Amino acid sequence: MSAQFMNRRKQLRLTQRQIAEAIGVTVQTVSNWETGTYQPKLTIEQTEKLCIVLKTDIHGLKELFEVKTA
């Protein structure tokens, strides 16, 4: 599901810990997003912070978590 999210994080040379600390979630939560175990459930403030950390806007963030169907 979130290979795009993981690729973006790696492209920016960020660790899961850095993402987690920046937005106030656990490292396990970030890992769960990357494996597709869970979709993000963030506050507006956390969403804004994640956009800043990933250097994208809300539309780009949405694309990072879109489920691609074959």
Protein backbone atom coordinates (compact mmCIF):
# COMPACT_ATOMS: atom_id res chain seq x y z
CA MET A 1 0.00 0.00 0.00
CA SER A 2 2.48 2.62 1.07
CA ALA A 3 5.52 1.81 -0.97
CA GLN A 4 5.21 5.37 -2.28
CA PHE A 5 5.32 6.73 1.27
CA MET A 6 8.38 4.63 2.12
CA ASN A 7 10.09 5.61 -1.14
CA ARG A 8 9.48 9.30 -0.43
CA ARG A 9 10.84 8.95 3.10
CA LYS A 10 13.96 7.23 1.80
CA GLN A 11 14.34 9.74 -1.02
CA LEU A 12 14.49 12.48 1.62
CA ARG A 13 16.91 10.34 3.68
CA LEU A 14 14.57 10.29 6.67
CA THR A 15 14.25 7.47 9.16
CA GLN A 16 10.98 6.14 10.47
CA ARG A 17 12.02 7.57 13.84
CA GLN A 18 12.47 11.06 12.38
CA ILE A 19 9.02 10.95 10.81
CA ALA A 20 7.47 9.63 14.03
CA GLU A 21 9.11 12.25 16.22
CA ALA A 22 8.20 15.08 13.86
CA ILE A 23 4.49 14.30 13.94
CA GLY A 24 4.07 12.75 17.38
CA VAL A 25 3.44 9.09 16.63
CA THR A 26 5.40 5.93 17.38
CA VAL A 27 7.97 4.36 15.10
CA GLN A 28 5.71 1.29 14.98
CA THR A 29 2.90 3.46 13.60
CA VAL A 30 5.10 4.69 10.75
CA SER A 31 6.18 1.11 10.09
CA ASN A 32 2.54 0.02 9.99
CA TRP A 33 1.80 2.68 7.35
CA GLU A 34 4.67 1.45 5.23
CA THR A 35 3.61 -2.18 5.41
CA GLY A 36 -0.02 -1.32 4.77
CA THR A 37 -1.15 -2.65 8.14
CA TYR A 38 -2.88 0.65 8.90
CA GLN A 39 -3.82 3.85 7.10
CA PRO A 40 -2.78 7.09 8.81
CA LYS A 41 -5.30 8.56 11.22
CA LEU A 42 -3.87 11.98 11.92
CA THR A 43 -5.06 15.25 13.36
CA ILE A 44 -5.00 18.30 11.12
CA GLU A 45 -1.88 19.50 12.93
CA GLN A 46 -0.12 16.16 12.42
CA THR A 47 -1.14 16.15 8.76
CA GLU A 48 0.34 19.61 8.29
CA LYS A 49 3.58 18.51 9.97
CA LEU A 50 3.78 15.38 7.81
CA CYS A 51 3.36 17.51 4.67
CA ILE A 52 6.21 19.74 5.82
CA VAL A 53 8.50 16.82 6.69
CA LEU A 54 7.81 15.09 3.36
CA LYS A 55 8.05 18.40 1.46
CA THR A 56 4.67 17.99 -0.19
CA ASP A 57 1.18 19.42 -0.05
CA ILE A 58 -2.01 17.68 0.99
CA HIS A 59 -2.62 16.40 -2.55
CA GLY A 60 0.85 14.89 -2.72
CA LEU A 61 0.37 13.32 0.69
CA LYS A 62 -2.90 11.76 -0.46
CA GLU A 63 -1.12 10.24 -3.46
CA LEU A 64 1.52 8.71 -1.19
CA PHE A 65 -1.18 6.72 0.59
CA GLU A 66 -3.52 5.90 -2.28
CA VAL A 67 -4.20 2.24 -2.73
CA LYS A 68 -3.21 1.29 -6.25
CA THR A 69 -5.31 -1.36 -7.95
CA ALA A 70 -3.95 -3.48 -10.76
